[in-house]
Amino acid sequence: MAETRSIPSWLSLATQIAAPITLVGTMLFYFGYVFSKAQYRYFGLDVDTVGLTPRDFVMRSPQPLLVPLIVLTALAAAVVALSGRLEAHVRDARTDPDELVRVRRLAGRCAVAGLGVLAAGLVLLLADAWLDAWRYLPIVSAVLVATGAAATAMALRYLPYRAVGAIAGLWVVALAGVLWAVSVTAQWSGQARAELMARHLQDLPAVILDSKEDLHLRNTVPAPEDLCWTSGDAPDAACAARADEFRYRYRGLHLLVQGPDAMFLVPGQWSPSATTLDVPRDADVRLQFQFVNTPPRRQ
């Protein structure tokens, strides 16, 4: 008879831990991606062009998740408290047939109300093509779907007859609604962050860009300084003849974000006609980062 080998306990424990960690990491990556995509789209950038790594997206996820986590934690505490009270009423009703009937009648009404809320959320979801001008439609639809599904699932627990798997299916729908709502919140958070940055572009790292040729950035920053034009009415002929020298200096640029292959610079003043400058790392330019204009404090 062949000897059967059981799975080591440490391997089983590692499997139980790895799956939730992978799921959490995937969710952090997704919400960080949604946040960053909305943020950089405000400046005309596709986040995939920047070349951020999965680790970068995960590190950007806490900001859009802060408010949803606080709200969801408060709601979870409220649901646990409500569920505890309902369980207490059900235990008391087991010795009183009339009370049990009243509890089940109330649960039936709650299930019907929950299904109504869920149906309203689904109708708004289907009506998205006609109501796309309403900004709050996605978040309202998501909240209605999640609330209706969760309320119906809780109410069905106290009914004597229910379809097999109905409660589990409703909780899956509720979870999908929650994730949808958090995703919309992350998108709004990214755009709000971009609008805040646009009002304070001067707070971004200041960059001086030197180039050998005129880059014609007239609509983005002030006209460049000609480093060969030190005095007189014309540039120095000897300096201008040296093609390998950095001749044009651009000021007023600020670092928006940097990826593995390029840096993206924006002007210091927001304008609808402004553009984001893509500077590849192998470009024949020179970048200088200015100190913050705050003198160090003496010890």
C-alpha atoms as a PDB file:
ATOM      1  CA  MET A   1       0.000   0.000   0.000  1.00  0.00           C
ATOM      2  CA  ALA A   2       1.441   3.357  -1.035  1.00  0.00           C
ATOM      3  CA  GLU A   3       2.284   5.701   1.735  1.00  0.00           C
ATOM      4  CA  THR A   4       0.179   8.866   1.726  1.00  0.00           C
ATOM      5  CA  ARG A   5       1.840  12.128   2.528  1.00  0.00           C
ATOM      6  CA  SER A   6      -0.018  15.042   4.045  1.00  0.00           C
ATOM      7  CA  ILE A   7       0.708  18.660   3.244  1.00  0.00           C
ATOM      8  CA  PRO A   8       3.048  20.177   5.842  1.00  0.00           C
ATOM      9  CA  SER A   9       1.308  22.513   8.246  1.00  0.00           C
ATOM     10  CA  TRP A  10       3.673  25.377   7.440  1.00  0.00           C
ATOM     11  CA  LEU A  11       2.858  25.081   3.722  1.00  0.00           C
ATOM     12  CA  SER A  12      -0.864  25.168   4.410  1.00  0.00           C
ATOM     13  CA  LEU A  13      -0.413  28.248   6.607  1.00  0.00           C
ATOM     14  CA  ALA A  14       1.738  29.945   3.962  1.00  0.00           C
ATOM     15  CA  THR A  15      -0.939  29.283   1.339  1.00  0.00           C
ATOM     16  CA  GLN A  16      -3.638  30.777   3.558  1.00  0.00           C
ATOM     17  CA  ILE A  17      -1.542  33.914   4.109  1.00  0.00           C
ATOM     18  CA  ALA A  18      -0.238  34.351   0.558  1.00  0.00           C
ATOM     19  CA  ALA A  19      -3.671  34.467  -1.072  1.00  0.00           C
ATOM     20  CA  PRO A  20      -5.010  37.408   1.004  1.00  0.00           C
ATOM     21  CA  ILE A  21      -1.693  39.274   0.647  1.00  0.00           C
ATOM     22  CA  THR A  22      -1.806  38.833  -3.135  1.00  0.00           C
ATOM     23  CA  LEU A  23      -5.423  40.023  -3.215  1.00  0.00           C
ATOM     24  CA  VAL A  24      -4.645  43.078  -1.084  1.00  0.00           C
ATOM     25  CA  GLY A  25      -1.610  43.913  -3.218  1.00  0.00           C
ATOM     26  CA  THR A  26      -3.696  43.643  -6.381  1.00  0.00           C
ATOM     27  CA  MET A  27      -6.377  45.932  -4.991  1.00  0.00           C
ATOM     28  CA  LEU A  28      -3.789  48.507  -3.853  1.00  0.00           C
ATOM     29  CA  PHE A  29      -2.214  48.432  -7.318  1.00  0.00           C
ATOM     30  CA  TYR A  30      -5.587  48.926  -9.015  1.00  0.00           C
ATOM     31  CA  PHE A  31      -6.724  51.860  -6.887  1.00  0.00           C
ATOM     32  CA  GLY A  32      -3.285  53.467  -7.139  1.00  0.00           C
ATOM     33  CA  TYR A  33      -3.474  53.104 -10.913  1.00  0.00           C
ATOM     34  CA  VAL A  34      -6.943  54.675 -11.093  1.00  0.00           C
ATOM     35  CA  PHE A  35      -5.795  57.551  -8.859  1.00  0.00           C
ATOM     36  CA  SER A  36      -2.626  58.204 -10.892  1.00  0.00           C
ATOM     37  CA  LYS A  37      -4.424  57.936 -14.238  1.00  0.00           C
ATOM     38  CA  ALA A  38      -6.922  60.643 -13.242  1.00  0.00           C
ATOM     39  CA  GLN A  39      -4.180  62.809 -11.711  1.00  0.00           C
ATOM     40  CA  TYR A  40      -1.851  62.897 -14.709  1.00  0.00           C
ATOM     41  CA  ARG A  41      -4.625  63.011 -17.281  1.00  0.00           C
ATOM     42  CA  TYR A  42      -5.352  66.504 -15.943  1.00  0.00           C
ATOM     43  CA  PHE A  43      -1.928  67.518 -17.274  1.00  0.00           C
ATOM     44  CA  GLY A  44      -2.435  65.783 -20.621  1.00  0.00           C
ATOM     45  CA  LEU A  45      -0.469  62.657 -19.733  1.00  0.00           C
ATOM     46  CA  ASP A  46      -1.438  59.020 -20.066  1.00  0.00           C
ATOM     47  CA  VAL A  47      -0.095  57.314 -16.958  1.00  0.00           C
ATOM     48  CA  ASP A  48       1.157  54.425 -19.101  1.00  0.00           C
ATOM     49  CA  THR A  49       3.422  56.906 -20.897  1.00  0.00           C
ATOM     50  CA  VAL A  50       5.137  57.797 -17.616  1.00  0.00           C
ATOM     51  CA  GLY A  51       6.226  54.192 -17.058  1.00  0.00           C
ATOM     52  CA  LEU A  52       5.484  53.880 -13.336  1.00  0.00           C
ATOM     53  CA  THR A  53       6.122  50.481 -11.770  1.00  0.00           C
ATOM     54  CA  PRO A  54       3.558  48.399  -9.848  1.00  0.00           C
ATOM     55  CA  ARG A  55       5.373  49.407  -6.642  1.00  0.00           C
ATOM     56  CA  ASP A  56       4.841  53.080  -7.541  1.00  0.00           C
ATOM     57  CA  PHE A  57       1.108  52.531  -7.951  1.00  0.00           C
ATOM     58  CA  VAL A  58       0.875  50.671  -4.636  1.00  0.00           C
ATOM     59  CA  MET A  59       2.683  53.528  -2.873  1.00  0.00           C
ATOM     60  CA  ARG A  60       0.176  56.002  -4.363  1.00  0.00           C
ATOM     61  CA  SER A  61      -2.870  54.042  -3.159  1.00  0.00           C
ATOM     62  CA  PRO A  62      -3.121  55.206   0.510  1.00  0.00           C
ATOM     63  CA  GLN A  63      -4.310  58.706  -0.410  1.00  0.00           C
ATOM     64  CA  PRO A  64      -7.399  57.662  -2.428  1.00  0.00           C
ATOM     65  CA  LEU A  65      -8.183  54.867   0.051  1.00  0.00           C
ATOM     66  CA  LEU A  66      -8.079  56.972   3.223  1.00  0.00           C
ATOM     67  CA  VAL A  67     -11.655  58.299   3.147  1.00  0.00           C
ATOM     68  CA  PRO A  68     -13.260  55.042   1.853  1.00  0.00           C
ATOM     69  CA  LEU A  69     -11.505  53.009   4.548  1.00  0.00           C
ATOM     70  CA  ILE A  70     -12.732  55.334   7.300  1.00  0.00           C
ATOM     71  CA  VAL A  71     -16.294  55.266   5.951  1.00  0.00           C
ATOM     72  CA  LEU A  72     -16.298  51.490   5.402  1.00  0.00           C
ATOM     73  CA  THR A  73     -14.907  50.857   8.889  1.00  0.00           C
ATOM     74  CA  ALA A  74     -17.659  52.972  10.440  1.00  0.00           C
ATOM     75  CA  LEU A  75     -20.322  51.228   8.353  1.00  0.00           C
ATOM     76  CA  ALA A  76     -18.931  47.800   9.227  1.00  0.00           C
ATOM     77  CA  ALA A  77     -19.086  48.641  12.935  1.00  0.00           C
ATOM     78  CA  ALA A  78     -22.695  49.792  12.503  1.00  0.00           C
ATOM     79  CA  VAL A  79     -23.620  46.605  10.614  1.00  0.00           C
ATOM     80  CA  VAL A  80     -22.033  44.406  13.301  1.00  0.00           C
ATOM     81  CA  ALA A  81     -23.920  46.270  16.046  1.00  0.00           C
ATOM     82  CA  LEU A  82     -27.212  46.003  14.129  1.00  0.00           C
ATOM     83  CA  SER A  83     -26.661  42.332  13.405  1.00  0.00           C
ATOM     84  CA  GLY A  84     -25.988  41.675  17.089  1.00  0.00           C
ATOM     85  CA  ARG A  85     -29.269  43.313  18.108  1.00  0.00           C
ATOM     86  CA  LEU A  86     -31.207  41.363  15.489  1.00  0.00           C
ATOM     87  CA  GLU A  87     -29.671  38.101  16.669  1.00  0.00           C
ATOM     88  CA  ALA A  88     -30.707  38.953  20.223  1.00  0.00           C
ATOM     89  CA  HIS A  89     -34.297  39.579  19.097  1.00  0.00           C
ATOM     90  CA  VAL A  90     -34.342  36.292  17.188  1.00  0.00           C
ATOM     91  CA  ARG A  91     -33.097  34.361  20.252  1.00  0.00           C
ATOM     92  CA  ASP A  92     -35.829  35.948  22.373  1.00  0.00           C
ATOM     93  CA  ALA A  93     -38.440  35.239  19.695  1.00  0.00           C
ATOM     94  CA  ARG A  94     -37.730  31.498  19.679  1.00  0.00           C
ATOM     95  CA  THR A  95     -39.676  31.129  22.903  1.00  0.00           C
ATOM     96  CA  ASP A  96     -42.514  33.383  21.689  1.00  0.00           C
ATOM     97  CA  PRO A  97     -44.223  32.297  18.419  1.00  0.00           C
ATOM     98  CA  ASP A  98     -45.939  35.680  17.992  1.00  0.00           C
ATOM     99  CA  GLU A  99     -42.643  37.537  18.347  1.00  0.00           C
ATOM    100  CA  LEU A 100     -41.012  35.179  15.824  1.00  0.00           C
ATOM    101  CA  VAL A 101     -43.777  35.970  13.318  1.00  0.00           C
ATOM    102  CA  ARG A 102     -43.221  39.693  13.799  1.00  0.00           C
ATOM    103  CA  VAL A 103     -39.454  39.319  13.311  1.00  0.00           C
ATOM    104  CA  ARG A 104     -39.947  37.356  10.112  1.00  0.00           C
ATOM    105  CA  ARG A 105     -42.515  39.841   8.838  1.00  0.00           C
ATOM    106  CA  LEU A 106     -40.065  42.688   9.482  1.00  0.00           C
ATOM    107  CA  ALA A 107     -37.282  40.736   7.776  1.00  0.00           C
ATOM    108  CA  GLY A 108     -39.529  40.216   4.753  1.00  0.00           C
ATOM    109  CA  ARG A 109     -40.225  43.935   4.503  1.00  0.00           C
ATOM    110  CA  CYS A 110     -36.507  44.711   4.789  1.00  0.00           C
ATOM    111  CA  ALA A 111     -35.751  42.183   2.043  1.00  0.00           C
ATOM    112  CA  VAL A 112     -38.313  43.771  -0.246  1.00  0.00           C
ATOM    113  CA  ALA A 113     -36.952  47.258   0.505  1.00  0.00           C
ATOM    114  CA  GLY A 114     -33.394  46.053  -0.106  1.00  0.00           C
ATOM    115  CA  LEU A 115     -34.378  44.547  -3.442  1.00  0.00           C
ATOM    116  CA  GLY A 116     -36.010  47.858  -4.363  1.00  0.00           C
ATOM    117  CA  VAL A 117     -32.835  49.781  -3.573  1.00  0.00           C
ATOM    118  CA  LEU A 118     -30.768  47.231  -5.506  1.00  0.00           C
ATOM    119  CA  ALA A 119     -33.102  47.493  -8.492  1.00  0.00           C
ATOM    120  CA  ALA A 120     -32.870  51.299  -8.415  1.00  0.00           C
ATOM    121  CA  GLY A 121     -29.083  51.090  -8.490  1.00  0.00           C
ATOM    122  CA  LEU A 122     -29.172  48.690 -11.434  1.00  0.00           C
ATOM    123  CA  VAL A 123     -31.611  50.945 -13.316  1.00  0.00           C
ATOM    124  CA  LEU A 124     -29.302  53.924 -12.840  1.00  0.00           C
ATOM    125  CA  LEU A 125     -26.418  51.779 -14.022  1.00  0.00           C
ATOM    126  CA  LEU A 126     -28.289  50.879 -17.213  1.00  0.00           C
ATOM    127  CA  ALA A 127     -29.340  54.526 -17.664  1.00  0.00           C
ATOM    128  CA  ASP A 128     -25.724  55.691 -17.679  1.00  0.00           C
ATOM    129  CA  ALA A 129     -25.844  56.260 -21.463  1.00  0.00           C
ATOM    130  CA  TRP A 130     -28.674  58.797 -21.056  1.00  0.00           C
ATOM    131  CA  LEU A 131     -27.583  60.411 -17.785  1.00  0.00           C
ATOM    132  CA  ASP A 132     -23.825  60.624 -18.420  1.00  0.00           C
ATOM    133  CA  ALA A 133     -23.924  64.393 -17.840  1.00  0.00           C
ATOM    134  CA  TRP A 134     -24.696  63.794 -14.143  1.00  0.00           C
ATOM    135  CA  ARG A 135     -21.342  63.639 -12.410  1.00  0.00           C
ATOM    136  CA  TYR A 136     -22.535  61.765  -9.328  1.00  0.00           C
ATOM    137  CA  LEU A 137     -24.313  58.978 -11.214  1.00  0.00           C
ATOM    138  CA  PRO A 138     -21.525  56.367 -10.846  1.00  0.00           C
ATOM    139  CA  ILE A 139     -21.107  56.800  -7.089  1.00  0.00           C
ATOM    140  CA  VAL A 140     -24.889  56.892  -6.482  1.00  0.00           C
ATOM    141  CA  SER A 141     -25.381  53.721  -8.543  1.00  0.00           C
ATOM    142  CA  ALA A 142     -22.558  51.929  -6.721  1.00  0.00           C
ATOM    143  CA  VAL A 143     -23.822  52.904  -3.267  1.00  0.00           C
ATOM    144  CA  LEU A 144     -27.399  51.863  -4.077  1.00  0.00           C
ATOM    145  CA  VAL A 145     -26.258  48.485  -5.446  1.00  0.00           C
ATOM    146  CA  ALA A 146     -24.017  47.773  -2.453  1.00  0.00           C
ATOM    147  CA  THR A 147     -26.586  48.949   0.128  1.00  0.00           C
ATOM    148  CA  GLY A 148     -29.498  47.104  -1.463  1.00  0.00           C
ATOM    149  CA  ALA A 149     -27.613  43.842  -1.845  1.00  0.00           C
ATOM    150  CA  ALA A 150     -26.225  43.947   1.704  1.00  0.00           C
ATOM    151  CA  ALA A 151     -29.611  44.800   3.241  1.00  0.00           C
ATOM    152  CA  THR A 152     -31.341  41.999   1.321  1.00  0.00           C
ATOM    153  CA  ALA A 153     -28.657  39.475   2.283  1.00  0.00           C
ATOM    154  CA  MET A 154     -28.988  40.365   5.969  1.00  0.00           C
ATOM    155  CA  ALA A 155     -32.785  40.189   5.872  1.00  0.00           C
ATOM    156  CA  LEU A 156     -32.845  36.796   4.125  1.00  0.00           C
ATOM    157  CA  ARG A 157     -31.002  35.252   7.065  1.00  0.00           C
ATOM    158  CA  TYR A 158     -34.154  35.563   9.188  1.00  0.00           C
ATOM    159  CA  LEU A 159     -36.616  34.152   6.634  1.00  0.00           C
ATOM    160  CA  PRO A 160     -37.501  30.447   6.747  1.00  0.00           C
ATOM    161  CA  TYR A 161     -37.462  29.956   2.962  1.00  0.00           C
ATOM    162  CA  ARG A 162     -34.835  31.286   0.589  1.00  0.00           C
ATOM    163  CA  ALA A 163     -33.081  30.164  -2.560  1.00  0.00           C
ATOM    164  CA  VAL A 164     -29.857  28.195  -2.106  1.00  0.00           C
ATOM    165  CA  GLY A 165     -26.840  30.471  -2.545  1.00  0.00           C
ATOM    166  CA  ALA A 166     -28.936  33.641  -2.625  1.00  0.00           C
ATOM    167  CA  ILE A 167     -27.234  35.188   0.400  1.00  0.00           C
ATOM    168  CA  ALA A 168     -23.733  34.422  -0.876  1.00  0.00           C
ATOM    169  CA  GLY A 169     -24.609  35.841  -4.306  1.00  0.00           C
ATOM    170  CA  LEU A 170     -25.987  39.034  -2.779  1.00  0.00           C
ATOM    171  CA  TRP A 171     -22.834  39.516  -0.699  1.00  0.00           C
ATOM    172  CA  VAL A 172     -20.769  39.161  -3.872  1.00  0.00           C
ATOM    173  CA  VAL A 173     -22.914  41.874  -5.495  1.00  0.00           C
ATOM    174  CA  ALA A 174     -22.500  44.063  -2.405  1.00  0.00           C
ATOM    175  CA  LEU A 175     -18.726  43.621  -2.501  1.00  0.00           C
ATOM    176  CA  ALA A 176     -18.678  44.512  -6.203  1.00  0.00           C
ATOM    177  CA  GLY A 177     -20.655  47.675  -5.441  1.00  0.00           C
ATOM    178  CA  VAL A 178     -18.225  48.644  -2.683  1.00  0.00           C
ATOM    179  CA  LEU A 179     -15.207  48.136  -4.940  1.00  0.00           C
ATOM    180  CA  TRP A 180     -16.933  50.131  -7.657  1.00  0.00           C
ATOM    181  CA  ALA A 181     -17.638  52.999  -5.264  1.00  0.00           C
ATOM    182  CA  VAL A 182     -14.032  53.002  -4.021  1.00  0.00           C
ATOM    183  CA  SER A 183     -12.795  53.050  -7.616  1.00  0.00           C
ATOM    184  CA  VAL A 184     -14.925  56.108  -8.409  1.00  0.00           C
ATOM    185  CA  THR A 185     -13.678  57.765  -5.236  1.00  0.00           C
ATOM    186  CA  ALA A 186     -10.060  57.061  -6.236  1.00  0.00           C
ATOM    187  CA  GLN A 187     -10.685  58.663  -9.630  1.00  0.00           C
ATOM    188  CA  TRP A 188     -12.176  61.779  -8.036  1.00  0.00           C
ATOM    189  CA  SER A 189      -9.317  61.910  -5.541  1.00  0.00           C
ATOM    190  CA  GLY A 190      -6.796  61.822  -8.384  1.00  0.00           C
ATOM    191  CA  GLN A 191      -8.442  64.705 -10.211  1.00  0.00           C
ATOM    192  CA  ALA A 192      -8.763  66.711  -6.984  1.00  0.00           C
ATOM    193  CA  ARG A 193      -5.070  66.138  -6.304  1.00  0.00           C
ATOM    194  CA  ALA A 194      -4.223  67.339  -9.819  1.00  0.00           C
ATOM    195  CA  GLU A 195      -6.319  70.494  -9.401  1.00  0.00           C
ATOM    196  CA  LEU A 196      -4.562  71.223  -6.109  1.00  0.00           C
ATOM    197  CA  MET A 197      -1.170  70.759  -7.761  1.00  0.00           C
ATOM    198  CA  ALA A 198      -2.225  73.045 -10.622  1.00  0.00           C
ATOM    199  CA  ARG A 199      -2.950  75.845  -8.135  1.00  0.00           C
ATOM    200  CA  HIS A 200       0.493  75.436  -6.543  1.00  0.00           C
ATOM    201  CA  LEU A 201       2.829  74.483  -9.398  1.00  0.00           C
ATOM    202  CA  GLN A 202       5.511  76.667  -7.847  1.00  0.00           C
ATOM    203  CA  ASP A 203       5.767  74.140  -5.001  1.00  0.00           C
ATOM    204  CA  LEU A 204       7.037  71.434  -7.383  1.00  0.00           C
ATOM    205  CA  PRO A 205      10.827  71.028  -7.779  1.00  0.00           C
ATOM    206  CA  ALA A 206      12.168  73.900  -9.911  1.00  0.00           C
ATOM    207  CA  VAL A 207      14.195  72.863 -12.961  1.00  0.00           C
ATOM    208  CA  ILE A 208      16.583  74.800 -15.207  1.00  0.00           C
ATOM    209  CA  LEU A 209      16.875  73.227 -18.659  1.00  0.00           C
ATOM    210  CA  ASP A 210      19.860  73.939 -20.897  1.00  0.00           C
ATOM    211  CA  SER A 211      19.870  72.886 -24.545  1.00  0.00           C
ATOM    212  CA  LYS A 212      22.167  73.282 -27.508  1.00  0.00           C
ATOM    213  CA  GLU A 213      19.330  74.318 -29.814  1.00  0.00           C
ATOM    214  CA  ASP A 214      16.283  76.518 -29.362  1.00  0.00           C
ATOM    215  CA  LEU A 215      13.407  74.220 -28.335  1.00  0.00           C
ATOM    216  CA  HIS A 216      10.724  76.837 -29.193  1.00  0.00           C
ATOM    217  CA  LEU A 217       8.824  76.519 -25.927  1.00  0.00           C
ATOM    218  CA  ARG A 218       7.278  79.980 -26.234  1.00  0.00           C
ATOM    219  CA  ASN A 219       3.757  78.886 -25.211  1.00  0.00           C
ATOM    220  CA  THR A 220       5.009  77.056 -22.136  1.00  0.00           C
ATOM    221  CA  VAL A 221       7.720  79.149 -20.465  1.00  0.00           C
ATOM    222  CA  PRO A 222       9.356  82.557 -21.007  1.00  0.00           C
ATOM    223  CA  ALA A 223      11.794  82.985 -23.859  1.00  0.00           C
ATOM    224  CA  PRO A 224      15.119  81.253 -23.189  1.00  0.00           C
ATOM    225  CA  GLU A 225      18.307  83.007 -22.190  1.00  0.00           C
ATOM    226  CA  ASP A 226      21.015  82.972 -24.844  1.00  0.00           C
ATOM    227  CA  LEU A 227      24.139  82.028 -22.896  1.00  0.00           C
ATOM    228  CA  CYS A 228      26.292  83.301 -25.778  1.00  0.00           C
ATOM    229  CA  TRP A 229      24.713  86.739 -25.522  1.00  0.00           C
ATOM    230  CA  THR A 230      26.585  88.049 -22.516  1.00  0.00           C
ATOM    231  CA  SER A 231      26.871  91.675 -23.609  1.00  0.00           C
ATOM    232  CA  GLY A 232      26.601  93.918 -26.646  1.00  0.00           C
ATOM    233  CA  ASP A 233      24.057  93.859 -29.429  1.00  0.00           C
ATOM    234  CA  ALA A 234      24.758  90.323 -30.680  1.00  0.00           C
ATOM    235  CA  PRO A 235      25.825  86.925 -29.362  1.00  0.00           C
ATOM    236  CA  ASP A 236      29.485  86.158 -29.058  1.00  0.00           C
ATOM    237  CA  ALA A 237      30.559  84.724 -32.409  1.00  0.00           C
ATOM    238  CA  ALA A 238      33.064  82.272 -30.969  1.00  0.00           C
ATOM    239  CA  CYS A 239      30.507  80.909 -28.484  1.00  0.00           C
ATOM    240  CA  ALA A 240      27.800  80.609 -31.113  1.00  0.00           C
ATOM    241  CA  ALA A 241      30.149  78.683 -33.379  1.00  0.00           C
ATOM    242  CA  ARG A 242      30.671  75.920 -30.812  1.00  0.00           C
ATOM    243  CA  ALA A 243      27.825  73.511 -31.569  1.00  0.00           C
ATOM    244  CA  ASP A 244      28.688  71.239 -28.633  1.00  0.00           C
ATOM    245  CA  GLU A 245      28.011  73.926 -26.025  1.00  0.00           C
ATOM    246  CA  PHE A 246      24.716  74.365 -24.179  1.00  0.00           C
ATOM    247  CA  ARG A 247      23.499  77.723 -25.436  1.00  0.00           C
ATOM    248  CA  TYR A 248      19.816  78.152 -24.499  1.00  0.00           C
ATOM    249  CA  ARG A 249      18.627  78.208 -20.874  1.00  0.00           C
ATOM    250  CA  TYR A 250      14.971  77.756 -19.961  1.00  0.00           C
ATOM    251  CA  ARG A 251      13.672  78.805 -16.575  1.00  0.00           C
ATOM    252  CA  GLY A 252      10.244  78.514 -15.025  1.00  0.00           C
ATOM    253  CA  LEU A 253       9.920  74.758 -15.434  1.00  0.00           C
ATOM    254  CA  HIS A 254       8.949  72.363 -12.646  1.00  0.00           C
ATOM    255  CA  LEU A 255       9.169  68.588 -12.304  1.00  0.00           C
ATOM    256  CA  LEU A 256       5.731  66.976 -12.408  1.00  0.00           C
ATOM    257  CA  VAL A 257       6.789  63.312 -12.362  1.00  0.00           C
ATOM    258  CA  GLN A 258       9.693  61.207 -13.503  1.00  0.00           C
ATOM    259  CA  GLY A 259       9.651  57.736 -14.942  1.00  0.00           C
ATOM    260  CA  PRO A 260      12.434  55.297 -15.751  1.00  0.00           C
ATOM    261  CA  ASP A 261      12.938  56.719 -19.251  1.00  0.00           C
ATOM    262  CA  ALA A 262      11.868  60.368 -19.079  1.00  0.00           C
ATOM    263  CA  MET A 263      11.089  63.377 -16.921  1.00  0.00           C
ATOM    264  CA  PHE A 264       7.903  65.378 -17.378  1.00  0.00           C
ATOM    265  CA  LEU A 265       8.129  69.120 -16.796  1.00  0.00           C
ATOM    266  CA  VAL A 266       5.357  71.697 -16.467  1.00  0.00           C
ATOM    267  CA  PRO A 267       5.415  75.512 -16.335  1.00  0.00           C
ATOM    268  CA  GLY A 268       5.201  77.299 -13.004  1.00  0.00           C
ATOM    269  CA  GLN A 269       1.848  78.912 -13.823  1.00  0.00           C
ATOM    270  CA  TRP A 270      -1.290  77.044 -14.808  1.00  0.00           C
ATOM    271  CA  SER A 271      -2.800  77.868 -18.192  1.00  0.00           C
ATOM    272  CA  PRO A 272      -5.302  75.949 -20.352  1.00  0.00           C
ATOM    273  CA  SER A 273      -2.935  76.403 -23.308  1.00  0.00           C
ATOM    274  CA  ALA A 274       0.132  75.118 -21.428  1.00  0.00           C
ATOM    275  CA  THR A 275       1.688  71.753 -22.192  1.00  0.00           C
ATOM    276  CA  THR A 276       3.704  69.095 -20.389  1.00  0.00           C
ATOM    277  CA  LEU A 277       7.273  68.739 -21.662  1.00  0.00           C
ATOM    278  CA  ASP A 278       8.619  65.204 -22.117  1.00  0.00           C
ATOM    279  CA  VAL A 279      12.396  65.133 -21.577  1.00  0.00           C
ATOM    280  CA  PRO A 280      13.911  61.688 -22.301  1.00  0.00           C
ATOM    281  CA  ARG A 281      16.811  60.727 -20.058  1.00  0.00           C
ATOM    282  CA  ASP A 282      19.063  60.240 -23.065  1.00  0.00           C
ATOM    283  CA  ALA A 283      18.175  63.663 -24.532  1.00  0.00           C
ATOM    284  CA  ASP A 284      21.045  66.019 -25.298  1.00  0.00           C
ATOM    285  CA  VAL A 285      20.044  68.539 -22.636  1.00  0.00           C
ATOM    286  CA  ARG A 286      21.221  69.503 -19.155  1.00  0.00           C
ATOM    287  CA  LEU A 287      18.891  69.668 -16.167  1.00  0.00           C
ATOM    288  CA  GLN A 288      19.598  71.582 -12.976  1.00  0.00           C
ATOM    289  CA  PHE A 289      17.374  71.360  -9.917  1.00  0.00           C
ATOM    290  CA  GLN A 290      17.193  74.543  -7.877  1.00  0.00           C
ATOM    291  CA  PHE A 291      17.341  74.692  -4.095  1.00  0.00           C
ATOM    292  CA  VAL A 292      14.154  75.608  -2.259  1.00  0.00           C
ATOM    293  CA  ASN A 293      14.274  79.352  -1.683  1.00  0.00           C
ATOM    294  CA  THR A 294      14.298  79.040   2.091  1.00  0.00           C
ATOM    295  CA  PRO A 295      17.558  79.683   3.971  1.00  0.00           C
ATOM    296  CA  PRO A 296      18.582  77.019   6.504  1.00  0.00           C
ATOM    297  CA  ARG A 297      17.900  77.784  10.120  1.00  0.00           C
ATOM    298  CA  ARG A 298      20.886  78.280  12.365  1.00  0.00           C
ATOM    299  CA  GLN A 299      21.348  75.798  15.154  1.00  0.00           C
END
